N, C-alpha and C. Protein backbone atom coordinates (compact mmCIF):
# COMPACT_ATOMS: atom_id res chain seq x y z
N MET A 1 -65.29 -31.91 -25.18
CA MET A 1 -66.01 -33.00 -25.02
C MET A 1 -64.83 -34.07 -24.54
N ASN A 2 -65.37 -34.88 -23.71
CA ASN A 2 -64.54 -36.14 -23.12
C ASN A 2 -64.87 -37.31 -24.22
N GLU A 3 -64.15 -38.31 -23.93
CA GLU A 3 -64.39 -39.69 -25.03
C GLU A 3 -65.66 -40.05 -24.62
N LEU A 4 -66.51 -39.72 -23.68
CA LEU A 4 -68.12 -40.16 -23.70
C LEU A 4 -68.80 -39.25 -24.39
N GLY A 5 -68.40 -38.39 -25.00
CA GLY A 5 -69.10 -37.05 -25.24
C GLY A 5 -69.87 -36.17 -24.58
N ALA A 6 -69.41 -36.34 -23.08
CA ALA A 6 -70.23 -35.37 -22.31
C ALA A 6 -69.14 -34.07 -22.24
N PRO A 7 -69.96 -33.00 -21.98
CA PRO A 7 -69.16 -31.43 -21.96
C PRO A 7 -68.18 -31.55 -20.76
N CYS A 8 -67.02 -30.85 -21.01
CA CYS A 8 -66.01 -30.78 -20.19
C CYS A 8 -65.90 -29.60 -19.74
N LYS A 9 -65.73 -29.11 -18.30
CA LYS A 9 -65.33 -27.88 -17.94
C LYS A 9 -63.83 -27.40 -18.10
N HIS A 10 -63.59 -26.42 -18.66
CA HIS A 10 -62.17 -25.95 -18.99
C HIS A 10 -61.78 -24.89 -17.63
N ARG A 11 -60.82 -25.04 -17.13
CA ARG A 11 -60.17 -24.38 -16.00
C ARG A 11 -59.11 -23.28 -16.46
N PHE A 12 -59.40 -22.14 -16.30
CA PHE A 12 -58.45 -21.06 -16.63
C PHE A 12 -57.31 -21.10 -15.81
N SER A 13 -56.01 -20.75 -16.18
CA SER A 13 -54.88 -20.41 -15.52
C SER A 13 -55.00 -19.07 -15.05
N VAL A 14 -54.08 -18.56 -14.08
CA VAL A 14 -53.99 -17.21 -13.70
C VAL A 14 -53.38 -16.73 -14.93
N GLU A 15 -52.52 -17.18 -15.73
CA GLU A 15 -51.81 -16.44 -16.87
C GLU A 15 -52.72 -16.19 -17.85
N THR A 16 -53.60 -17.23 -18.30
CA THR A 16 -54.83 -17.12 -19.27
C THR A 16 -55.81 -16.08 -18.70
N PHE A 17 -56.10 -16.02 -17.31
CA PHE A 17 -56.97 -14.99 -17.09
C PHE A 17 -56.39 -13.50 -17.31
N HIS A 18 -55.19 -13.68 -16.98
CA HIS A 18 -54.62 -12.03 -17.15
C HIS A 18 -54.79 -11.69 -18.72
N GLN A 19 -54.62 -12.67 -19.62
CA GLN A 19 -54.56 -12.53 -21.21
C GLN A 19 -56.17 -12.07 -21.41
N ILE A 20 -56.97 -12.79 -21.03
CA ILE A 20 -58.50 -12.43 -21.22
C ILE A 20 -58.76 -11.04 -20.77
N GLN A 21 -58.28 -10.73 -19.55
CA GLN A 21 -58.44 -9.11 -19.09
C GLN A 21 -57.77 -8.22 -19.96
N ASN A 22 -56.44 -8.45 -20.33
CA ASN A 22 -55.85 -7.47 -21.02
C ASN A 22 -56.18 -7.60 -22.63
N LEU A 23 -57.01 -8.16 -23.10
CA LEU A 23 -57.54 -8.32 -24.32
C LEU A 23 -59.01 -7.66 -24.50
N GLY A 24 -59.28 -7.36 -23.29
CA GLY A 24 -60.76 -6.58 -23.11
C GLY A 24 -61.73 -7.24 -23.33
N PHE A 25 -61.61 -8.63 -23.03
CA PHE A 25 -62.77 -9.50 -22.96
C PHE A 25 -63.70 -9.56 -21.86
N LEU A 26 -63.03 -8.90 -20.65
CA LEU A 26 -64.21 -8.72 -19.45
C LEU A 26 -64.37 -7.01 -19.38
N PRO A 27 -65.71 -6.83 -18.77
CA PRO A 27 -66.06 -5.55 -18.84
C PRO A 27 -64.93 -4.94 -17.87
N GLU A 28 -64.57 -3.33 -18.22
CA GLU A 28 -63.78 -2.85 -17.36
C GLU A 28 -64.37 -2.11 -16.07
N ASN A 29 -65.96 -2.17 -16.19
CA ASN A 29 -66.73 -1.52 -14.86
C ASN A 29 -66.77 -2.63 -13.69
N GLN A 30 -66.22 -3.70 -14.07
CA GLN A 30 -66.64 -4.70 -13.22
C GLN A 30 -65.60 -5.52 -12.68
N ARG A 31 -65.31 -5.97 -11.71
CA ARG A 31 -64.32 -6.68 -10.51
C ARG A 31 -64.58 -8.14 -10.86
N PHE A 32 -63.54 -8.87 -11.29
CA PHE A 32 -63.55 -10.39 -11.56
C PHE A 32 -62.30 -10.79 -10.67
N GLU A 33 -62.61 -12.05 -10.03
CA GLU A 33 -61.98 -13.04 -9.63
C GLU A 33 -61.86 -14.32 -10.50
N LEU A 34 -60.44 -15.14 -9.99
CA LEU A 34 -60.29 -16.42 -10.56
C LEU A 34 -60.59 -17.41 -9.35
N VAL A 35 -61.31 -18.09 -9.27
CA VAL A 35 -61.62 -19.19 -8.02
C VAL A 35 -61.50 -20.85 -8.76
N GLU A 36 -60.19 -21.42 -8.68
CA GLU A 36 -60.06 -22.73 -8.99
C GLU A 36 -60.52 -22.80 -10.33
N GLY A 37 -60.16 -21.83 -11.26
CA GLY A 37 -60.15 -21.75 -12.63
C GLY A 37 -61.36 -21.26 -13.17
N GLU A 38 -62.26 -21.05 -12.57
CA GLU A 38 -63.63 -20.16 -12.96
C GLU A 38 -63.24 -18.86 -12.60
N ILE A 39 -63.89 -18.02 -13.80
CA ILE A 39 -63.95 -16.80 -13.51
C ILE A 39 -65.14 -16.10 -12.93
N ILE A 40 -65.15 -15.51 -11.92
CA ILE A 40 -66.33 -15.07 -11.13
C ILE A 40 -66.42 -13.47 -10.87
N ALA A 41 -67.63 -13.08 -11.34
CA ALA A 41 -67.83 -11.60 -11.39
C ALA A 41 -68.23 -11.47 -9.90
N LYS A 42 -67.47 -10.04 -9.41
CA LYS A 42 -67.59 -9.77 -8.20
C LYS A 42 -68.33 -8.47 -8.24
N PRO A 43 -69.43 -8.11 -7.32
CA PRO A 43 -70.43 -7.01 -7.43
C PRO A 43 -69.37 -5.81 -7.11
N LEU A 44 -69.59 -4.71 -7.52
CA LEU A 44 -68.73 -3.49 -6.85
C LEU A 44 -69.22 -3.18 -5.63
N PRO A 45 -68.58 -2.59 -4.53
CA PRO A 45 -68.81 -2.45 -3.19
C PRO A 45 -69.97 -1.25 -3.24
N SER A 46 -70.77 -1.52 -2.32
CA SER A 46 -71.76 -0.53 -2.04
C SER A 46 -70.98 0.53 -1.11
N GLY A 47 -71.50 1.82 -1.03
CA GLY A 47 -71.03 2.72 -0.30
C GLY A 47 -70.76 2.49 1.14
N ALA A 48 -71.81 1.93 1.63
CA ALA A 48 -71.44 1.42 3.03
C ALA A 48 -70.30 0.36 3.01
N GLN A 49 -70.10 -0.60 2.18
CA GLN A 49 -69.34 -1.48 2.15
C GLN A 49 -67.83 -0.75 2.03
N ALA A 50 -67.60 0.09 0.97
CA ALA A 50 -66.37 0.95 0.79
C ALA A 50 -66.23 1.70 2.00
N GLY A 51 -67.08 2.54 2.77
CA GLY A 51 -66.71 3.04 3.80
C GLY A 51 -66.32 2.28 5.20
N GLY A 52 -67.07 1.13 5.15
CA GLY A 52 -66.72 0.08 6.40
C GLY A 52 -65.11 -0.36 5.90
N VAL A 53 -64.89 -0.74 4.85
CA VAL A 53 -63.58 -1.22 4.67
C VAL A 53 -62.61 -0.17 4.98
N LEU A 54 -62.80 1.27 4.30
CA LEU A 54 -61.87 2.24 4.72
C LEU A 54 -61.74 2.55 6.29
N LYS A 55 -62.97 2.42 6.93
CA LYS A 55 -62.88 2.43 8.59
C LYS A 55 -61.90 1.18 9.01
N ILE A 56 -62.02 0.03 8.81
CA ILE A 56 -61.26 -1.25 9.19
C ILE A 56 -59.56 -0.65 8.79
N LEU A 57 -59.41 -0.33 7.37
CA LEU A 57 -58.09 0.30 6.90
C LEU A 57 -57.43 1.12 7.82
N HIS A 58 -58.23 2.25 8.07
CA HIS A 58 -57.77 3.38 9.05
C HIS A 58 -57.34 2.78 10.51
N HIS A 59 -57.88 1.73 10.77
CA HIS A 59 -57.86 1.28 12.28
C HIS A 59 -56.36 0.25 12.23
N LEU A 60 -56.74 -0.45 11.11
CA LEU A 60 -55.42 -1.50 11.04
C LEU A 60 -54.04 -0.95 10.80
N THR A 61 -54.11 0.14 10.18
CA THR A 61 -52.92 1.26 9.59
C THR A 61 -52.43 1.53 11.03
N ALA A 62 -53.26 2.00 11.83
CA ALA A 62 -52.52 2.43 13.12
C ALA A 62 -52.39 1.26 13.99
N CYS A 63 -52.83 0.34 14.04
CA CYS A 63 -52.49 -0.70 14.86
C CYS A 63 -51.29 -1.52 14.66
N ILE A 64 -50.82 -1.67 13.24
CA ILE A 64 -49.91 -2.39 12.93
C ILE A 64 -48.38 -1.44 12.70
N ASN A 65 -48.71 -0.16 12.64
CA ASN A 65 -47.60 0.83 12.97
C ASN A 65 -46.48 0.37 11.86
N GLY A 66 -46.59 0.09 10.67
CA GLY A 66 -45.30 -0.22 9.83
C GLY A 66 -44.73 -1.49 10.09
N LYS A 67 -45.44 -2.39 10.67
CA LYS A 67 -44.89 -3.84 11.03
C LYS A 67 -45.35 -4.78 9.76
N THR A 68 -46.25 -4.31 9.04
CA THR A 68 -46.70 -4.97 7.63
C THR A 68 -47.26 -4.06 6.75
N MET A 69 -47.50 -4.60 5.49
CA MET A 69 -48.01 -3.69 4.35
C MET A 69 -49.55 -4.46 4.39
N VAL A 70 -50.34 -3.34 4.19
CA VAL A 70 -51.93 -3.43 4.08
C VAL A 70 -52.24 -3.29 2.52
N ASN A 71 -53.05 -4.48 2.12
CA ASN A 71 -53.39 -4.61 0.86
C ASN A 71 -55.01 -4.42 0.66
N MET A 72 -55.34 -3.49 -0.08
CA MET A 72 -56.94 -3.06 -0.19
C MET A 72 -57.39 -3.54 -1.70
N HIS A 73 -58.37 -4.29 -1.65
CA HIS A 73 -59.01 -4.68 -3.04
C HIS A 73 -57.90 -5.05 -4.28
N ASN A 74 -56.78 -5.51 -4.06
CA ASN A 74 -55.82 -5.93 -5.33
C ASN A 74 -55.74 -7.46 -5.03
N SER A 75 -55.26 -7.71 -6.17
CA SER A 75 -55.46 -9.30 -6.25
C SER A 75 -54.20 -9.96 -5.52
N ILE A 76 -54.48 -11.25 -5.25
CA ILE A 76 -53.41 -12.10 -4.59
C ILE A 76 -53.58 -13.25 -5.20
N GLN A 77 -52.44 -13.99 -5.78
CA GLN A 77 -52.50 -15.15 -6.40
C GLN A 77 -52.13 -16.36 -5.52
N LEU A 78 -53.48 -17.35 -5.51
CA LEU A 78 -53.19 -18.66 -4.97
C LEU A 78 -53.04 -19.74 -5.99
N GLY A 79 -51.76 -20.17 -5.91
CA GLY A 79 -51.67 -21.22 -7.02
C GLY A 79 -51.67 -20.77 -8.35
N ARG A 80 -51.79 -22.07 -9.04
CA ARG A 80 -52.06 -21.68 -10.66
C ARG A 80 -53.39 -21.11 -10.99
N TYR A 81 -54.45 -21.57 -10.53
CA TYR A 81 -55.81 -21.39 -10.95
C TYR A 81 -56.56 -20.53 -10.17
N SER A 82 -56.17 -19.90 -9.25
CA SER A 82 -56.85 -18.81 -8.35
C SER A 82 -56.05 -17.35 -8.02
N GLU A 83 -57.03 -16.37 -8.49
CA GLU A 83 -56.44 -15.06 -7.93
C GLU A 83 -57.50 -14.23 -7.58
N THR A 84 -57.71 -13.86 -6.51
CA THR A 84 -58.88 -13.25 -5.70
C THR A 84 -58.50 -11.87 -5.48
N GLU A 85 -59.43 -11.08 -4.94
CA GLU A 85 -59.30 -9.53 -4.63
C GLU A 85 -60.21 -9.47 -3.31
N PRO A 86 -59.32 -9.99 -2.10
CA PRO A 86 -60.17 -9.72 -1.05
C PRO A 86 -60.31 -8.26 -0.71
N ASP A 87 -61.17 -7.92 0.25
CA ASP A 87 -61.39 -6.21 0.59
C ASP A 87 -60.20 -5.89 1.37
N LEU A 88 -59.45 -6.51 2.14
CA LEU A 88 -58.26 -6.06 2.93
C LEU A 88 -57.38 -7.57 3.15
N CYS A 89 -56.16 -7.22 3.02
CA CYS A 89 -55.30 -8.24 3.67
C CYS A 89 -53.80 -7.60 4.22
N LEU A 90 -53.12 -8.32 5.13
CA LEU A 90 -51.96 -7.81 5.65
C LEU A 90 -50.80 -8.97 5.14
N LEU A 91 -49.88 -8.00 4.46
CA LEU A 91 -48.77 -8.56 3.75
C LEU A 91 -47.22 -8.65 4.37
N THR A 92 -46.66 -9.44 4.16
CA THR A 92 -44.99 -9.24 4.56
C THR A 92 -44.71 -8.10 4.10
N LEU A 93 -43.68 -7.50 4.77
CA LEU A 93 -42.85 -6.42 3.90
C LEU A 93 -42.17 -6.83 2.90
N ASN A 94 -42.12 -6.18 1.71
CA ASN A 94 -41.52 -6.30 0.66
C ASN A 94 -41.03 -4.95 -0.03
N ASN A 95 -39.84 -5.01 -0.31
CA ASN A 95 -38.87 -3.82 -0.72
C ASN A 95 -39.39 -3.41 -1.99
N ARG A 96 -39.93 -4.28 -3.01
CA ARG A 96 -40.59 -3.90 -4.19
C ARG A 96 -42.03 -3.56 -4.25
N TYR A 97 -42.64 -3.78 -3.03
CA TYR A 97 -44.01 -3.44 -2.86
C TYR A 97 -44.97 -4.21 -3.85
N TYR A 98 -44.52 -5.54 -3.91
CA TYR A 98 -45.33 -6.27 -5.01
C TYR A 98 -45.61 -5.77 -6.29
N GLN A 99 -44.61 -5.05 -6.83
CA GLN A 99 -44.83 -4.26 -8.15
C GLN A 99 -44.64 -5.27 -9.40
N GLN A 100 -43.96 -6.06 -9.10
CA GLN A 100 -43.66 -7.20 -10.13
C GLN A 100 -44.64 -8.33 -10.06
N ASN A 101 -45.03 -8.76 -9.34
CA ASN A 101 -46.17 -9.90 -8.99
C ASN A 101 -46.89 -9.42 -8.05
N ALA A 102 -48.20 -10.31 -8.12
CA ALA A 102 -49.12 -10.18 -7.11
C ALA A 102 -48.80 -11.00 -5.77
N PRO A 103 -48.96 -10.51 -4.63
CA PRO A 103 -48.68 -11.35 -3.42
C PRO A 103 -49.17 -12.92 -3.67
N LYS A 104 -48.56 -13.70 -2.83
CA LYS A 104 -48.95 -15.09 -3.10
C LYS A 104 -49.11 -15.64 -1.47
N ALA A 105 -49.71 -16.68 -1.48
CA ALA A 105 -50.19 -17.16 -0.14
C ALA A 105 -49.01 -17.07 0.85
N ASP A 106 -47.82 -17.46 0.53
CA ASP A 106 -46.79 -17.13 1.43
C ASP A 106 -46.34 -15.72 1.97
N ASP A 107 -46.81 -14.81 1.24
CA ASP A 107 -46.93 -13.40 1.79
C ASP A 107 -47.85 -12.87 2.62
N LEU A 108 -48.91 -13.65 2.74
CA LEU A 108 -50.03 -13.23 3.30
C LEU A 108 -50.10 -13.36 4.88
N LEU A 109 -50.33 -12.51 5.74
CA LEU A 109 -50.44 -12.49 7.29
C LEU A 109 -51.70 -12.83 7.80
N LEU A 110 -52.83 -12.08 6.85
CA LEU A 110 -54.12 -12.11 7.41
C LEU A 110 -54.88 -11.64 6.11
N VAL A 111 -56.00 -12.30 5.97
CA VAL A 111 -57.07 -11.80 4.81
C VAL A 111 -58.39 -11.25 5.53
N ILE A 112 -58.87 -10.24 5.05
CA ILE A 112 -60.30 -9.59 5.85
C ILE A 112 -61.26 -9.85 4.47
N GLU A 113 -62.25 -10.24 4.96
CA GLU A 113 -63.44 -9.99 3.92
C GLU A 113 -64.73 -9.56 4.44
N TRP A 114 -65.34 -8.36 3.71
CA TRP A 114 -66.59 -7.94 4.34
C TRP A 114 -67.78 -8.86 3.95
N VAL A 115 -68.66 -9.13 4.95
CA VAL A 115 -69.90 -10.06 4.62
C VAL A 115 -71.03 -9.32 4.78
N ASP A 116 -71.96 -9.49 3.78
CA ASP A 116 -73.02 -9.21 3.69
C ASP A 116 -74.07 -10.38 3.42
N PRO A 117 -75.49 -9.80 3.54
CA PRO A 117 -76.33 -11.17 3.09
C PRO A 117 -76.04 -12.15 1.91
N ALA A 118 -75.87 -10.97 1.08
CA ALA A 118 -75.66 -11.64 -0.50
C ALA A 118 -74.54 -12.40 -0.66
N SER A 119 -73.47 -12.23 0.18
CA SER A 119 -72.03 -12.75 -0.07
C SER A 119 -71.58 -13.88 0.92
N ASP A 120 -72.62 -13.78 2.18
CA ASP A 120 -71.97 -14.77 3.07
C ASP A 120 -72.00 -16.24 2.76
N ASN A 121 -72.83 -16.85 2.15
CA ASN A 121 -72.80 -18.13 1.71
C ASN A 121 -71.43 -18.20 1.06
N TYR A 122 -71.36 -17.58 -0.26
CA TYR A 122 -70.03 -17.62 -1.02
C TYR A 122 -68.80 -17.31 -0.30
N LEU A 123 -68.61 -16.42 0.64
CA LEU A 123 -67.53 -16.35 1.43
C LEU A 123 -67.21 -17.58 2.21
N ARG A 124 -68.23 -18.05 3.10
CA ARG A 124 -67.95 -19.18 4.02
C ARG A 124 -67.75 -20.55 3.14
N LYS A 125 -68.57 -20.75 2.18
CA LYS A 125 -68.42 -22.14 1.47
C LYS A 125 -67.27 -22.37 0.37
N VAL A 126 -67.03 -21.16 -0.16
CA VAL A 126 -65.92 -21.20 -1.32
C VAL A 126 -64.79 -20.43 -1.10
N LYS A 127 -64.73 -19.20 -0.46
CA LYS A 127 -63.46 -18.51 -0.47
C LYS A 127 -62.71 -18.99 0.92
N MET A 128 -63.35 -18.93 2.00
CA MET A 128 -62.76 -19.61 3.19
C MET A 128 -62.12 -20.71 3.08
N PRO A 129 -62.65 -21.88 2.47
CA PRO A 129 -61.98 -23.11 2.08
C PRO A 129 -60.99 -22.93 1.21
N LEU A 130 -60.81 -21.84 0.13
CA LEU A 130 -59.88 -21.78 -0.73
C LEU A 130 -58.88 -21.28 -0.02
N TYR A 131 -58.96 -20.35 0.73
CA TYR A 131 -57.70 -19.59 1.44
C TYR A 131 -57.07 -20.64 2.49
N ALA A 132 -57.97 -21.57 2.97
CA ALA A 132 -57.41 -22.66 4.15
C ALA A 132 -56.40 -23.71 3.15
N ARG A 133 -56.88 -24.09 2.00
CA ARG A 133 -56.32 -24.88 1.27
C ARG A 133 -55.08 -24.43 0.52
N HIS A 134 -54.70 -22.86 0.75
CA HIS A 134 -53.41 -22.49 0.13
C HIS A 134 -52.77 -22.11 1.48
N GLY A 135 -53.15 -22.59 2.60
CA GLY A 135 -52.34 -22.31 3.79
C GLY A 135 -52.34 -20.96 4.28
N ILE A 136 -53.46 -20.05 4.36
CA ILE A 136 -53.32 -18.78 4.54
C ILE A 136 -53.79 -18.92 6.12
N SER A 137 -52.91 -18.53 7.02
CA SER A 137 -53.32 -18.90 8.39
C SER A 137 -54.45 -18.18 9.17
N GLU A 138 -54.83 -17.33 8.61
CA GLU A 138 -55.99 -16.39 9.47
C GLU A 138 -56.90 -15.69 8.41
N VAL A 139 -58.19 -15.67 8.47
CA VAL A 139 -59.23 -15.25 7.70
C VAL A 139 -60.05 -14.42 8.61
N TRP A 140 -60.33 -13.27 8.29
CA TRP A 140 -61.64 -12.73 9.31
C TRP A 140 -62.65 -12.31 8.21
N LEU A 141 -63.68 -12.71 8.76
CA LEU A 141 -65.26 -12.21 7.88
C LEU A 141 -65.83 -11.23 8.65
N VAL A 142 -65.83 -10.36 8.39
CA VAL A 142 -66.35 -8.96 9.17
C VAL A 142 -68.09 -8.69 8.68
N ASP A 143 -68.85 -8.99 9.54
CA ASP A 143 -69.93 -8.99 9.14
C ASP A 143 -70.80 -7.42 9.83
N PHE A 144 -70.87 -6.68 8.98
CA PHE A 144 -71.55 -5.26 9.30
C PHE A 144 -72.85 -5.12 9.60
N THR A 145 -73.49 -6.09 9.18
CA THR A 145 -75.15 -6.22 9.41
C THR A 145 -75.43 -6.43 10.80
N GLN A 146 -74.66 -7.54 11.34
CA GLN A 146 -74.95 -7.80 12.62
C GLN A 146 -73.75 -7.65 13.64
N SER A 147 -72.86 -6.87 13.36
CA SER A 147 -71.66 -6.45 14.11
C SER A 147 -70.69 -7.59 14.91
N PHE A 148 -70.26 -8.52 14.02
CA PHE A 148 -69.21 -9.34 14.50
C PHE A 148 -68.17 -9.70 13.53
N VAL A 149 -67.12 -10.25 13.91
CA VAL A 149 -66.11 -10.73 13.23
C VAL A 149 -66.02 -12.27 13.36
N ASP A 150 -65.84 -13.27 12.44
CA ASP A 150 -65.66 -14.65 12.66
C ASP A 150 -64.26 -14.77 12.03
N VAL A 151 -63.47 -15.14 12.98
CA VAL A 151 -62.02 -15.55 12.79
C VAL A 151 -61.86 -16.80 12.60
N GLY A 152 -61.07 -17.31 11.29
CA GLY A 152 -61.00 -18.78 10.88
C GLY A 152 -59.25 -18.72 11.01
N ARG A 153 -58.77 -19.69 11.72
CA ARG A 153 -57.57 -19.93 12.10
C ARG A 153 -57.29 -21.73 12.02
N VAL A 154 -55.97 -22.05 11.58
CA VAL A 154 -55.56 -23.50 11.57
C VAL A 154 -56.03 -23.91 10.30
N PRO A 155 -55.56 -23.49 9.03
CA PRO A 155 -56.05 -24.08 7.95
C PRO A 155 -55.82 -25.68 7.75
N ALA A 156 -56.76 -26.16 6.89
CA ALA A 156 -56.74 -27.58 6.59
C ALA A 156 -57.35 -27.73 5.24
N ALA A 157 -57.22 -29.06 4.68
CA ALA A 157 -57.86 -29.28 3.46
C ALA A 157 -59.28 -28.85 3.14
N GLN A 158 -60.14 -28.96 4.34
CA GLN A 158 -61.37 -28.60 4.10
C GLN A 158 -61.82 -27.39 4.47
N GLY A 159 -61.05 -26.47 5.37
CA GLY A 159 -61.30 -25.24 5.87
C GLY A 159 -60.43 -25.05 6.94
N TYR A 160 -60.93 -23.87 7.75
CA TYR A 160 -60.35 -23.66 9.11
C TYR A 160 -60.91 -24.42 10.06
N THR A 161 -60.00 -24.87 10.82
CA THR A 161 -60.44 -25.87 12.07
C THR A 161 -60.75 -25.18 13.28
N GLN A 162 -60.42 -24.06 13.21
CA GLN A 162 -60.97 -23.09 14.19
C GLN A 162 -61.41 -21.72 13.76
N ILE A 163 -62.70 -21.87 14.22
CA ILE A 163 -63.53 -20.46 14.02
C ILE A 163 -63.94 -19.90 15.21
N LYS A 164 -63.86 -18.60 15.50
CA LYS A 164 -64.09 -17.91 16.84
C LYS A 164 -64.78 -16.63 16.29
N ARG A 165 -65.89 -16.25 17.10
CA ARG A 165 -66.73 -14.84 16.79
C ARG A 165 -66.24 -14.13 17.79
N TYR A 166 -65.97 -12.79 17.28
CA TYR A 166 -65.56 -11.61 18.33
C TYR A 166 -66.85 -10.57 18.21
N THR A 167 -66.90 -10.06 19.10
CA THR A 167 -67.88 -8.97 19.31
C THR A 167 -67.24 -7.52 19.37
N ALA A 168 -67.94 -6.61 19.54
CA ALA A 168 -67.45 -4.98 19.63
C ALA A 168 -66.74 -4.72 21.02
N GLU A 169 -67.07 -5.78 21.79
CA GLU A 169 -66.27 -5.52 23.25
C GLU A 169 -65.01 -6.29 23.34
N GLN A 170 -64.68 -6.85 22.26
CA GLN A 170 -63.34 -7.83 22.46
C GLN A 170 -62.47 -7.14 21.40
N ALA A 171 -61.05 -7.64 21.42
CA ALA A 171 -60.10 -7.38 20.79
C ALA A 171 -59.14 -8.57 20.19
N ILE A 172 -59.17 -8.36 18.69
CA ILE A 172 -58.57 -9.64 18.16
C ILE A 172 -57.02 -9.49 17.93
N TYR A 173 -56.09 -10.54 18.36
CA TYR A 173 -54.82 -10.44 18.05
C TYR A 173 -54.41 -11.39 17.01
N PRO A 174 -53.76 -10.65 15.79
CA PRO A 174 -53.97 -11.64 14.72
C PRO A 174 -52.69 -12.63 15.07
N GLN A 175 -52.77 -13.91 14.46
CA GLN A 175 -51.94 -15.22 15.01
C GLN A 175 -50.50 -14.65 14.50
N LEU A 176 -50.36 -14.06 13.38
CA LEU A 176 -48.87 -13.80 13.09
C LEU A 176 -48.30 -12.37 13.49
N LEU A 177 -49.15 -11.84 14.02
CA LEU A 177 -48.79 -10.26 14.60
C LEU A 177 -49.13 -10.22 16.12
N PRO A 178 -48.89 -11.15 17.03
CA PRO A 178 -49.58 -11.33 18.62
C PRO A 178 -49.27 -10.32 19.26
N ASN A 179 -48.33 -9.39 18.95
CA ASN A 179 -48.53 -7.85 19.77
C ASN A 179 -49.18 -6.98 19.31
N VAL A 180 -50.18 -7.12 18.20
CA VAL A 180 -51.06 -5.94 17.75
C VAL A 180 -52.58 -6.67 18.11
N ALA A 181 -53.11 -5.63 18.75
CA ALA A 181 -54.44 -5.71 19.53
C ALA A 181 -55.37 -5.04 18.42
N VAL A 182 -56.21 -5.48 17.70
CA VAL A 182 -57.26 -4.98 16.98
C VAL A 182 -58.61 -4.69 17.55
N GLU A 183 -58.99 -3.65 17.96
CA GLU A 183 -60.34 -3.69 18.93
C GLU A 183 -61.38 -3.68 17.91
N VAL A 184 -62.43 -4.59 17.93
CA VAL A 184 -63.49 -4.56 17.01
C VAL A 184 -64.33 -3.43 17.07
N LYS A 185 -64.43 -2.74 18.36
CA LYS A 185 -65.52 -1.62 18.22
C LYS A 185 -65.18 -0.67 17.39
N TYR A 186 -64.07 -0.42 16.87
CA TYR A 186 -63.66 0.54 15.98
C TYR A 186 -64.09 0.10 14.43
N PHE A 187 -64.51 -1.07 14.28
CA PHE A 187 -65.08 -1.42 12.95
C PHE A 187 -66.38 -0.90 12.56
N TRP A 188 -67.30 -0.65 13.47
CA TRP A 188 -68.41 0.10 13.36
C TRP A 188 -68.69 1.50 13.79
C-alpha cells in the first residue's frame, strides 16, 4: 500500500522472475514472459502455429546462410523488467551462442511474431511498442490467417514510426541484412 492506503502494483525484475521460475512457482507446462515487470502467461503454440514458425525458420535459415543466428521461442532480455519469448528472432553472431545470458536488445537484428486473432491486439499494442522502446530496429508480425506480414521499422518511444504491409508477391529485405531477400510467399 502507498501512503494513501491505495494498493500498489509490484513490478518484478528479470532476476526475480528467474527466481520465481526456478523455485517452481509457475507451471512447467506453460510459457511465461515478463513484460514491464508483469508476468504474462502465453498460450502454447497450436499445431498450425508451430508448423508455420518452422516453415519461416526453414526459409530464413536458407536466406541468411550463416550471416546471423536464428533464435526460436527462446528468451530475450529487454532491460531490467522485461524478458519475452518471440516466435523467432535473428541475432548477431556470438561465439558463446548466448549460453551465459539471454540475448539483449543490442544483439537483435530482427524479431518475428506469429499473429492470430487472439494475439493480434496484444502484439500490436503491448509487444511492438515494448520492442520499439528498447530500440529493436525491426519487427515482423506474420498473419497466417490473412496471409500478410506487417513490418515495423524506425523505433520510437511510442512504437514504430514506419509500418509497411507485405503480401505473398513481395520480398522483404531486413533493414540490418539488406542483401538478404526473404520472399513472403514461402511463409504459406
